[in-house]
Amino acid sequence: MAPEFVIPVIFGTFVFCAITISTYNKFIKYRNRIEESWSRIDVALKRRANLIPGLVRITEGYSAHESKLFSEKTRQLSGNADSSRLEEESKLTRSIGGLLAVAEAYPELKASSNFLEMQNSLDTVEKEVQQARNRYNGFVSRLNTLVESFPASIIARMFHFEKQDYLAIELATGREMPDLEFK
């Protein structure tokens, strides 16, 4: 090889390696941030799951039949290993919405300081889930954009980075209250 081509070839190789390493590190950064964001979501969902039995116990004193339904629903969800975690959370969210709808029917329950405190705690946890989900989806968006853009898409294929799915969890306190039929 002629000496006048050695320097441009070395420079081109250096630039290619630098771009590859930089892009690979971006993929790793976003993958780690997605995992960290999921961990925050998981913690908030566990906190929410810990609040639910307290809400059920408080509600039981006002409405034995409806509370039994929600206690049974919660028990079924905790014992269902076949469905995914997100499916369970969506079912649990709908149950919480129903539980809060039952509370609307009992003014004494709504005025109970214990119930109000638990409901406020649930609101706080729901906001944490929302914030964590938004953070997670932001990092997923960045990773997906990187996977699809050129020249990062070549590096993504080389190192098997793939697009991630966005996370959509319903919030119990943000849903409309369902119509309940009392028999």
N, C-alpha and C. Protein backbone atom coordinates (compact mmCIF):
# COMPACT_ATOMS: atom_id res chain seq x y z
N MET A 1 0.85 -1.17 0.00
CA MET A 1 0.00 0.00 0.00
C MET A 1 0.90 1.24 0.00
N ALA A 2 0.49 2.20 -0.74
CA ALA A 2 1.27 3.43 -0.85
C ALA A 2 1.20 4.20 0.45
N PRO A 3 2.30 4.83 0.83
CA PRO A 3 2.35 5.56 2.10
C PRO A 3 1.33 6.69 2.19
N GLU A 4 0.93 7.30 1.08
CA GLU A 4 -0.03 8.41 1.14
C GLU A 4 -1.45 7.93 1.50
N PHE A 5 -1.72 6.61 1.37
CA PHE A 5 -3.04 6.06 1.72
C PHE A 5 -3.10 5.50 3.14
N VAL A 6 -1.97 5.31 3.77
CA VAL A 6 -1.92 4.72 5.11
C VAL A 6 -2.59 5.62 6.14
N ILE A 7 -2.27 6.88 6.12
CA ILE A 7 -2.84 7.80 7.11
C ILE A 7 -4.35 7.92 6.94
N PRO A 8 -4.92 8.09 5.74
CA PRO A 8 -6.39 8.14 5.63
C PRO A 8 -7.06 6.82 6.03
N VAL A 9 -6.43 5.69 5.76
CA VAL A 9 -7.01 4.39 6.15
C VAL A 9 -7.00 4.26 7.67
N ILE A 10 -5.90 4.63 8.29
CA ILE A 10 -5.82 4.57 9.76
C ILE A 10 -6.84 5.53 10.37
N PHE A 11 -6.96 6.73 9.82
CA PHE A 11 -7.93 7.71 10.31
C PHE A 11 -9.36 7.19 10.14
N GLY A 12 -9.67 6.63 8.98
CA GLY A 12 -11.01 6.07 8.73
C GLY A 12 -11.33 4.92 9.68
N THR A 13 -10.36 4.06 9.93
CA THR A 13 -10.55 2.95 10.88
C THR A 13 -10.79 3.49 12.28
N PHE A 14 -10.02 4.48 12.67
CA PHE A 14 -10.18 5.09 13.99
C PHE A 14 -11.57 5.71 14.14
N VAL A 15 -12.02 6.45 13.14
CA VAL A 15 -13.35 7.08 13.17
C VAL A 15 -14.44 6.01 13.26
N PHE A 16 -14.31 4.96 12.43
CA PHE A 16 -15.30 3.87 12.46
C PHE A 16 -15.36 3.23 13.84
N CYS A 17 -14.20 2.93 14.43
CA CYS A 17 -14.16 2.32 15.76
C CYS A 17 -14.76 3.25 16.82
N ALA A 18 -14.45 4.53 16.73
CA ALA A 18 -14.98 5.50 17.70
C ALA A 18 -16.50 5.59 17.61
N ILE A 19 -17.03 5.63 16.38
CA ILE A 19 -18.49 5.70 16.20
C ILE A 19 -19.14 4.42 16.72
N THR A 20 -18.55 3.29 16.41
CA THR A 20 -19.10 2.00 16.86
C THR A 20 -19.12 1.92 18.38
N ILE A 21 -18.02 2.27 19.02
CA ILE A 21 -17.94 2.20 20.49
C ILE A 21 -18.92 3.19 21.12
N SER A 22 -18.97 4.40 20.60
CA SER A 22 -19.87 5.41 21.14
C SER A 22 -21.34 4.97 21.03
N THR A 23 -21.72 4.45 19.87
CA THR A 23 -23.10 4.01 19.65
C THR A 23 -23.43 2.80 20.52
N TYR A 24 -22.51 1.86 20.62
CA TYR A 24 -22.72 0.69 21.47
C TYR A 24 -22.95 1.13 22.92
N ASN A 25 -22.15 2.08 23.39
CA ASN A 25 -22.30 2.57 24.76
C ASN A 25 -23.64 3.26 24.97
N LYS A 26 -24.16 3.94 23.94
CA LYS A 26 -25.50 4.54 24.05
C LYS A 26 -26.56 3.45 24.22
N PHE A 27 -26.45 2.37 23.45
CA PHE A 27 -27.39 1.26 23.59
C PHE A 27 -27.35 0.71 25.02
N ILE A 28 -26.16 0.51 25.53
CA ILE A 28 -26.01 -0.02 26.89
C ILE A 28 -26.61 0.95 27.90
N LYS A 29 -26.35 2.25 27.73
CA LYS A 29 -26.89 3.26 28.65
C LYS A 29 -28.41 3.21 28.68
N TYR A 30 -29.05 3.19 27.50
CA TYR A 30 -30.51 3.18 27.46
C TYR A 30 -31.08 1.86 27.98
N ARG A 31 -30.43 0.76 27.68
CA ARG A 31 -30.90 -0.53 28.20
C ARG A 31 -30.86 -0.52 29.73
N ASN A 32 -29.77 -0.01 30.31
CA ASN A 32 -29.66 0.05 31.77
C ASN A 32 -30.67 1.01 32.38
N ARG A 33 -30.92 2.12 31.72
CA ARG A 33 -31.92 3.07 32.24
C ARG A 33 -33.33 2.50 32.15
N ILE A 34 -33.60 1.71 31.13
CA ILE A 34 -34.89 1.05 31.02
C ILE A 34 -35.06 0.06 32.17
N GLU A 35 -34.01 -0.71 32.46
CA GLU A 35 -34.07 -1.67 33.57
C GLU A 35 -34.26 -0.95 34.90
N GLU A 36 -33.56 0.15 35.10
CA GLU A 36 -33.69 0.92 36.34
C GLU A 36 -35.11 1.51 36.46
N SER A 37 -35.65 1.99 35.35
CA SER A 37 -37.01 2.54 35.36
C SER A 37 -38.03 1.46 35.66
N TRP A 38 -37.83 0.26 35.10
CA TRP A 38 -38.75 -0.84 35.40
C TRP A 38 -38.69 -1.19 36.88
N SER A 39 -37.51 -1.13 37.47
CA SER A 39 -37.37 -1.40 38.89
C SER A 39 -38.18 -0.41 39.72
N ARG A 40 -38.16 0.86 39.32
CA ARG A 40 -38.97 1.87 40.03
C ARG A 40 -40.46 1.58 39.90
N ILE A 41 -40.87 1.16 38.72
CA ILE A 41 -42.28 0.81 38.51
C ILE A 41 -42.64 -0.37 39.40
N ASP A 42 -41.78 -1.36 39.44
CA ASP A 42 -42.02 -2.56 40.24
C ASP A 42 -42.17 -2.21 41.72
N VAL A 43 -41.31 -1.35 42.23
CA VAL A 43 -41.39 -0.94 43.63
C VAL A 43 -42.72 -0.23 43.91
N ALA A 44 -43.11 0.67 43.02
CA ALA A 44 -44.38 1.39 43.21
C ALA A 44 -45.57 0.43 43.15
N LEU A 45 -45.52 -0.55 42.25
CA LEU A 45 -46.62 -1.51 42.15
C LEU A 45 -46.69 -2.39 43.40
N LYS A 46 -45.56 -2.73 43.96
CA LYS A 46 -45.55 -3.51 45.20
C LYS A 46 -46.11 -2.70 46.36
N ARG A 47 -45.76 -1.40 46.40
CA ARG A 47 -46.34 -0.54 47.45
C ARG A 47 -47.85 -0.47 47.31
N ARG A 48 -48.31 -0.36 46.07
CA ARG A 48 -49.75 -0.32 45.82
C ARG A 48 -50.40 -1.61 46.27
N ALA A 49 -49.79 -2.74 45.95
CA ALA A 49 -50.34 -4.04 46.35
C ALA A 49 -50.39 -4.17 47.87
N ASN A 50 -49.46 -3.55 48.56
CA ASN A 50 -49.48 -3.60 50.03
C ASN A 50 -50.58 -2.72 50.62
N LEU A 51 -51.00 -1.69 49.91
CA LEU A 51 -52.07 -0.81 50.39
C LEU A 51 -53.46 -1.43 50.23
N ILE A 52 -53.61 -2.27 49.24
CA ILE A 52 -54.93 -2.81 48.91
C ILE A 52 -55.57 -3.59 50.06
N PRO A 53 -54.84 -4.50 50.73
CA PRO A 53 -55.50 -5.21 51.84
C PRO A 53 -56.03 -4.27 52.93
N GLY A 54 -55.32 -3.17 53.18
CA GLY A 54 -55.80 -2.19 54.15
C GLY A 54 -57.09 -1.53 53.70
N LEU A 55 -57.16 -1.17 52.43
CA LEU A 55 -58.40 -0.59 51.89
C LEU A 55 -59.55 -1.58 51.99
N VAL A 56 -59.25 -2.83 51.70
CA VAL A 56 -60.29 -3.86 51.76
C VAL A 56 -60.78 -4.02 53.20
N ARG A 57 -59.84 -4.06 54.16
CA ARG A 57 -60.24 -4.23 55.58
C ARG A 57 -61.11 -3.06 56.05
N ILE A 58 -60.73 -1.86 55.66
CA ILE A 58 -61.51 -0.68 56.08
C ILE A 58 -62.90 -0.73 55.45
N THR A 59 -62.97 -1.12 54.20
CA THR A 59 -64.24 -1.16 53.49
C THR A 59 -65.14 -2.28 54.02
N GLU A 60 -64.54 -3.36 54.53
CA GLU A 60 -65.33 -4.50 55.00
C GLU A 60 -66.34 -4.10 56.08
N GLY A 61 -65.96 -3.18 56.94
CA GLY A 61 -66.86 -2.75 58.00
C GLY A 61 -68.11 -2.06 57.47
N TYR A 62 -68.05 -1.54 56.26
CA TYR A 62 -69.17 -0.81 55.69
C TYR A 62 -69.96 -1.63 54.67
N SER A 63 -69.31 -2.59 54.09
CA SER A 63 -69.98 -3.32 53.03
C SER A 63 -69.41 -4.73 52.94
N ALA A 64 -69.97 -5.64 53.70
CA ALA A 64 -69.43 -7.00 53.77
C ALA A 64 -69.47 -7.71 52.41
N HIS A 65 -70.56 -7.61 51.71
CA HIS A 65 -70.69 -8.34 50.44
C HIS A 65 -69.71 -7.85 49.39
N GLU A 66 -69.65 -6.53 49.18
CA GLU A 66 -68.77 -5.99 48.17
C GLU A 66 -67.30 -6.23 48.52
N SER A 67 -66.97 -6.09 49.79
CA SER A 67 -65.58 -6.32 50.20
C SER A 67 -65.18 -7.77 49.99
N LYS A 68 -66.14 -8.69 50.19
CA LYS A 68 -65.83 -10.10 49.95
C LYS A 68 -65.48 -10.31 48.48
N LEU A 69 -66.22 -9.65 47.60
CA LEU A 69 -65.92 -9.75 46.17
C LEU A 69 -64.51 -9.27 45.87
N PHE A 70 -64.13 -8.13 46.44
CA PHE A 70 -62.81 -7.58 46.14
C PHE A 70 -61.71 -8.37 46.84
N SER A 71 -62.00 -8.90 48.02
CA SER A 71 -61.01 -9.75 48.69
C SER A 71 -60.76 -11.00 47.85
N GLU A 72 -61.84 -11.57 47.34
CA GLU A 72 -61.71 -12.77 46.49
C GLU A 72 -60.94 -12.42 45.21
N LYS A 73 -61.22 -11.27 44.62
CA LYS A 73 -60.52 -10.85 43.40
C LYS A 73 -59.03 -10.67 43.68
N THR A 74 -58.70 -10.05 44.80
CA THR A 74 -57.29 -9.85 45.17
C THR A 74 -56.61 -11.19 45.40
N ARG A 75 -57.29 -12.12 46.06
CA ARG A 75 -56.73 -13.45 46.31
C ARG A 75 -56.48 -14.18 45.00
N GLN A 76 -57.41 -14.09 44.08
CA GLN A 76 -57.25 -14.75 42.78
C GLN A 76 -56.06 -14.17 42.03
N LEU A 77 -55.92 -12.86 42.06
CA LEU A 77 -54.81 -12.23 41.34
C LEU A 77 -53.47 -12.64 41.93
N SER A 78 -53.39 -12.72 43.25
CA SER A 78 -52.11 -13.07 43.86
C SER A 78 -51.76 -14.53 43.62
N GLY A 79 -52.73 -15.37 43.35
CA GLY A 79 -52.46 -16.78 43.12
C GLY A 79 -52.36 -17.17 41.66
N ASN A 80 -52.53 -16.23 40.74
CA ASN A 80 -52.54 -16.54 39.31
C ASN A 80 -51.14 -16.39 38.75
N ALA A 81 -50.44 -17.52 38.57
CA ALA A 81 -49.06 -17.50 38.08
C ALA A 81 -48.99 -17.60 36.57
N ASP A 82 -50.11 -17.91 35.90
CA ASP A 82 -50.09 -18.12 34.46
C ASP A 82 -50.04 -16.82 33.67
N SER A 83 -50.63 -15.75 34.20
CA SER A 83 -50.67 -14.51 33.43
C SER A 83 -49.45 -13.67 33.75
N SER A 84 -49.17 -12.72 32.90
CA SER A 84 -48.00 -11.88 33.09
C SER A 84 -48.26 -10.85 34.19
N ARG A 85 -47.20 -10.26 34.66
CA ARG A 85 -47.28 -9.27 35.73
C ARG A 85 -48.13 -8.07 35.31
N LEU A 86 -47.98 -7.64 34.06
CA LEU A 86 -48.74 -6.47 33.60
C LEU A 86 -50.23 -6.79 33.50
N GLU A 87 -50.57 -8.00 33.08
CA GLU A 87 -51.99 -8.39 33.02
C GLU A 87 -52.57 -8.41 34.43
N GLU A 88 -51.81 -8.94 35.39
CA GLU A 88 -52.27 -8.96 36.77
C GLU A 88 -52.48 -7.55 37.30
N GLU A 89 -51.54 -6.66 36.99
CA GLU A 89 -51.66 -5.28 37.46
C GLU A 89 -52.88 -4.60 36.86
N SER A 90 -53.18 -4.87 35.59
CA SER A 90 -54.36 -4.28 34.97
C SER A 90 -55.64 -4.78 35.64
N LYS A 91 -55.69 -6.08 35.93
CA LYS A 91 -56.86 -6.64 36.63
C LYS A 91 -56.99 -6.03 38.02
N LEU A 92 -55.86 -5.90 38.71
CA LEU A 92 -55.87 -5.33 40.05
C LEU A 92 -56.32 -3.88 40.00
N THR A 93 -55.91 -3.15 38.99
CA THR A 93 -56.31 -1.76 38.83
C THR A 93 -57.82 -1.65 38.68
N ARG A 94 -58.39 -2.53 37.88
CA ARG A 94 -59.86 -2.51 37.71
C ARG A 94 -60.55 -2.83 39.03
N SER A 95 -59.99 -3.76 39.81
CA SER A 95 -60.57 -4.08 41.11
C SER A 95 -60.50 -2.90 42.06
N ILE A 96 -59.39 -2.17 42.03
CA ILE A 96 -59.27 -0.99 42.89
C ILE A 96 -60.32 0.04 42.49
N GLY A 97 -60.50 0.21 41.18
CA GLY A 97 -61.52 1.14 40.72
C GLY A 97 -62.89 0.77 41.23
N GLY A 98 -63.20 -0.52 41.23
CA GLY A 98 -64.48 -1.00 41.77
C GLY A 98 -64.58 -0.78 43.27
N LEU A 99 -63.47 -1.00 43.98
CA LEU A 99 -63.45 -0.79 45.42
C LEU A 99 -63.71 0.67 45.75
N LEU A 100 -63.10 1.56 44.99
CA LEU A 100 -63.32 2.99 45.22
C LEU A 100 -64.75 3.38 44.86
N ALA A 101 -65.34 2.70 43.89
CA ALA A 101 -66.74 2.96 43.53
C ALA A 101 -67.66 2.55 44.68
N VAL A 102 -67.33 1.42 45.32
CA VAL A 102 -68.12 0.99 46.49
C VAL A 102 -68.03 2.05 47.58
N ALA A 103 -66.85 2.60 47.77
CA ALA A 103 -66.67 3.62 48.81
C ALA A 103 -67.53 4.84 48.54
N GLU A 104 -67.74 5.17 47.28
CA GLU A 104 -68.59 6.30 46.93
C GLU A 104 -70.02 6.11 47.43
N ALA A 105 -70.45 4.86 47.54
CA ALA A 105 -71.82 4.57 47.96
C ALA A 105 -72.00 4.69 49.48
N TYR A 106 -70.91 4.84 50.22
CA TYR A 106 -70.98 4.88 51.68
C TYR A 106 -70.35 6.17 52.19
N PRO A 107 -71.17 7.20 52.44
CA PRO A 107 -70.63 8.49 52.89
C PRO A 107 -69.83 8.37 54.19
N GLU A 108 -70.25 7.46 55.10
CA GLU A 108 -69.53 7.31 56.36
C GLU A 108 -68.11 6.79 56.11
N LEU A 109 -67.99 5.89 55.13
CA LEU A 109 -66.69 5.33 54.78
C LEU A 109 -65.80 6.42 54.18
N LYS A 110 -66.37 7.22 53.28
CA LYS A 110 -65.60 8.29 52.65
C LYS A 110 -65.12 9.30 53.69
N ALA A 111 -65.86 9.45 54.79
CA ALA A 111 -65.49 10.41 55.82
C ALA A 111 -64.50 9.82 56.83
N SER A 112 -64.29 8.50 56.79
CA SER A 112 -63.39 7.84 57.73
C SER A 112 -61.95 8.31 57.49
N SER A 113 -61.30 8.72 58.58
CA SER A 113 -59.92 9.22 58.44
C SER A 113 -58.98 8.11 57.97
N ASN A 114 -59.21 6.87 58.42
CA ASN A 114 -58.37 5.76 57.97
C ASN A 114 -58.52 5.54 56.48
N PHE A 115 -59.75 5.56 56.00
CA PHE A 115 -59.98 5.35 54.57
C PHE A 115 -59.38 6.49 53.76
N LEU A 116 -59.58 7.72 54.22
CA LEU A 116 -59.03 8.87 53.50
C LEU A 116 -57.50 8.81 53.44
N GLU A 117 -56.90 8.42 54.54
CA GLU A 117 -55.44 8.30 54.58
C GLU A 117 -54.96 7.23 53.60
N MET A 118 -55.64 6.08 53.59
CA MET A 118 -55.27 5.00 52.66
C MET A 118 -55.50 5.44 51.22
N GLN A 119 -56.59 6.13 50.96
CA GLN A 119 -56.88 6.59 49.61
C GLN A 119 -55.84 7.62 49.15
N ASN A 120 -55.43 8.51 50.04
CA ASN A 120 -54.37 9.47 49.70
C ASN A 120 -53.05 8.76 49.42
N SER A 121 -52.75 7.74 50.21
CA SER A 121 -51.53 6.95 49.97
C SER A 121 -51.60 6.27 48.61
N LEU A 122 -52.77 5.75 48.28
CA LEU A 122 -52.95 5.11 46.99
C LEU A 122 -52.77 6.12 45.86
N ASP A 123 -53.31 7.32 46.03
CA ASP A 123 -53.12 8.39 45.04
C ASP A 123 -51.64 8.70 44.83
N THR A 124 -50.91 8.79 45.93
CA THR A 124 -49.47 9.07 45.86
C THR A 124 -48.74 7.96 45.10
N VAL A 125 -49.06 6.72 45.41
CA VAL A 125 -48.41 5.59 44.74
C VAL A 125 -48.77 5.58 43.26
N GLU A 126 -50.02 5.87 42.94
CA GLU A 126 -50.43 5.91 41.54
C GLU A 126 -49.65 6.98 40.78
N LYS A 127 -49.41 8.12 41.42
CA LYS A 127 -48.61 9.16 40.77
C LYS A 127 -47.17 8.69 40.56
N GLU A 128 -46.63 7.94 41.54
CA GLU A 128 -45.29 7.40 41.39
C GLU A 128 -45.23 6.41 40.22
N VAL A 129 -46.26 5.58 40.10
CA VAL A 129 -46.31 4.63 38.99
C VAL A 129 -46.35 5.40 37.67
N GLN A 130 -47.15 6.45 37.61
CA GLN A 130 -47.26 7.27 36.40
C GLN A 130 -45.92 7.89 36.04
N GLN A 131 -45.24 8.47 37.01
CA GLN A 131 -43.94 9.11 36.74
C GLN A 131 -42.91 8.07 36.30
N ALA A 132 -42.88 6.93 36.97
CA ALA A 132 -41.92 5.88 36.62
C ALA A 132 -42.23 5.33 35.22
N ARG A 133 -43.50 5.18 34.90
CA ARG A 133 -43.88 4.70 33.58
C ARG A 133 -43.47 5.70 32.50
N ASN A 134 -43.66 6.98 32.76
CA ASN A 134 -43.26 8.01 31.80
C ASN A 134 -41.74 7.99 31.59
N ARG A 135 -41.01 7.82 32.67
CA ARG A 135 -39.54 7.75 32.56
C ARG A 135 -39.14 6.52 31.75
N TYR A 136 -39.76 5.39 32.06
CA TYR A 136 -39.48 4.14 31.33
C TYR A 136 -39.76 4.32 29.84
N ASN A 137 -40.93 4.84 29.52
CA ASN A 137 -41.31 5.02 28.12
C ASN A 137 -40.40 6.03 27.41
N GLY A 138 -39.89 7.03 28.14
CA GLY A 138 -38.95 7.97 27.55
C GLY A 138 -37.66 7.28 27.12
N PHE A 139 -37.16 6.40 27.97
CA PHE A 139 -35.93 5.68 27.62
C PHE A 139 -36.19 4.65 26.53
N VAL A 140 -37.37 4.04 26.54
CA VAL A 140 -37.71 3.11 25.46
C VAL A 140 -37.77 3.86 24.14
N SER A 141 -38.33 5.05 24.15
CA SER A 141 -38.41 5.86 22.94
C SER A 141 -37.01 6.18 22.41
N ARG A 142 -36.12 6.55 23.29
CA ARG A 142 -34.75 6.87 22.87
C ARG A 142 -34.05 5.64 22.30
N LEU A 143 -34.21 4.50 22.97
CA LEU A 143 -33.59 3.27 22.49
C LEU A 143 -34.18 2.88 21.13
N ASN A 144 -35.49 2.94 21.00
CA ASN A 144 -36.13 2.57 19.74
C ASN A 144 -35.69 3.49 18.59
N THR A 145 -35.55 4.77 18.87
CA THR A 145 -35.07 5.71 17.85
C THR A 145 -33.65 5.35 17.44
N LEU A 146 -32.83 5.01 18.41
CA LEU A 146 -31.45 4.63 18.12
C LEU A 146 -31.39 3.34 17.30
N VAL A 147 -32.24 2.37 17.64
CA VAL A 147 -32.28 1.09 16.91
C VAL A 147 -32.66 1.31 15.45
N GLU A 148 -33.53 2.28 15.19
CA GLU A 148 -34.02 2.48 13.83
C GLU A 148 -33.23 3.50 13.01
N SER A 149 -32.37 4.29 13.65
CA SER A 149 -31.67 5.33 12.90
C SER A 149 -30.33 4.82 12.36
N PHE A 150 -29.92 5.46 11.29
CA PHE A 150 -28.67 5.07 10.64
C PHE A 150 -27.55 5.96 11.17
N PRO A 151 -26.40 5.46 11.42
CA PRO A 151 -25.81 4.13 11.26
C PRO A 151 -25.99 3.23 12.48
N ALA A 152 -26.69 3.75 13.51
CA ALA A 152 -26.88 2.97 14.73
C ALA A 152 -27.63 1.66 14.46
N SER A 153 -28.48 1.63 13.44
CA SER A 153 -29.24 0.41 13.13
C SER A 153 -28.30 -0.73 12.73
N ILE A 154 -27.20 -0.41 12.10
CA ILE A 154 -26.22 -1.44 11.72
C ILE A 154 -25.59 -2.03 12.99
N ILE A 155 -25.22 -1.17 13.90
CA ILE A 155 -24.62 -1.61 15.16
C ILE A 155 -25.64 -2.38 15.99
N ALA A 156 -26.91 -1.92 15.96
CA ALA A 156 -27.97 -2.63 16.69
C ALA A 156 -28.10 -4.07 16.18
N ARG A 157 -28.06 -4.24 14.88
CA ARG A 157 -28.15 -5.61 14.32
C ARG A 157 -26.91 -6.42 14.68
N MET A 158 -25.76 -5.80 14.64
CA MET A 158 -24.52 -6.51 14.96
C MET A 158 -24.52 -7.05 16.39
N PHE A 159 -25.05 -6.26 17.32
CA PHE A 159 -25.01 -6.62 18.73
C PHE A 159 -26.37 -7.05 19.28
N HIS A 160 -27.32 -7.29 18.39
CA HIS A 160 -28.65 -7.83 18.72
C HIS A 160 -29.45 -6.94 19.68
N PHE A 161 -29.39 -5.64 19.48
CA PHE A 161 -30.26 -4.73 20.21
C PHE A 161 -31.56 -4.63 19.43
N GLU A 162 -32.69 -4.72 20.14
CA GLU A 162 -33.99 -4.69 19.49
C GLU A 162 -34.87 -3.62 20.11
N LYS A 163 -35.91 -3.25 19.34
CA LYS A 163 -36.89 -2.29 19.84
C LYS A 163 -37.59 -2.89 21.07
N GLN A 164 -37.94 -2.03 22.00
CA GLN A 164 -38.65 -2.42 23.21
C GLN A 164 -40.11 -1.96 23.11
N ASP A 165 -40.97 -2.62 23.86
CA ASP A 165 -42.38 -2.22 23.91
C ASP A 165 -42.58 -1.14 24.96
N TYR A 166 -43.49 -0.23 24.67
CA TYR A 166 -43.86 0.79 25.64
C TYR A 166 -44.72 0.15 26.72
N LEU A 167 -44.71 0.76 27.88
CA LEU A 167 -45.46 0.25 29.01
C LEU A 167 -46.70 1.09 29.22
N ALA A 168 -47.85 0.43 29.27
CA ALA A 168 -49.11 1.13 29.51
C ALA A 168 -49.84 0.42 30.63
N ILE A 169 -49.82 1.03 31.79
CA ILE A 169 -50.54 0.49 32.95
C ILE A 169 -51.64 1.49 33.28
N GLU A 170 -52.82 0.97 33.45
CA GLU A 170 -53.94 1.84 33.82
C GLU A 170 -53.76 2.27 35.27
N LEU A 171 -54.15 3.48 35.57
CA LEU A 171 -54.10 3.95 36.95
C LEU A 171 -55.49 3.83 37.56
N ALA A 172 -55.53 3.24 38.74
CA ALA A 172 -56.81 2.98 39.39
C ALA A 172 -57.53 4.26 39.74
N THR A 173 -56.79 5.25 40.19
CA THR A 173 -57.44 6.48 40.63
C THR A 173 -57.75 7.42 39.47
N GLY A 174 -57.24 7.12 38.29
CA GLY A 174 -57.49 7.97 37.14
C GLY A 174 -58.60 7.46 36.26
N ARG A 175 -59.20 6.35 36.60
CA ARG A 175 -60.25 5.76 35.77
C ARG A 175 -61.61 6.27 36.23
N GLU A 176 -62.54 6.22 35.30
CA GLU A 176 -63.92 6.52 35.68
C GLU A 176 -64.44 5.38 36.53
N MET A 177 -65.29 5.70 37.46
CA MET A 177 -65.84 4.67 38.33
C MET A 177 -66.85 3.82 37.56
N PRO A 178 -66.73 2.51 37.66
CA PRO A 178 -67.66 1.66 36.93
C PRO A 178 -69.03 1.65 37.60
N ASP A 179 -70.04 1.33 36.81
CA ASP A 179 -71.38 1.17 37.37
C ASP A 179 -71.44 -0.17 38.09
N LEU A 180 -71.86 -0.15 39.34
CA LEU A 180 -71.98 -1.40 40.10
C LEU A 180 -73.44 -1.72 40.28
N GLU A 181 -73.75 -2.96 40.11
CA GLU A 181 -75.12 -3.41 40.29
C GLU A 181 -75.21 -4.19 41.59
N PHE A 182 -75.98 -3.71 42.56
CA PHE A 182 -76.14 -4.40 43.83
C PHE A 182 -77.35 -5.30 43.76
N LYS A 183 -77.14 -6.55 44.17
CA LYS A 183 -78.26 -7.52 44.15
C LYS A 183 -78.66 -7.88 45.55
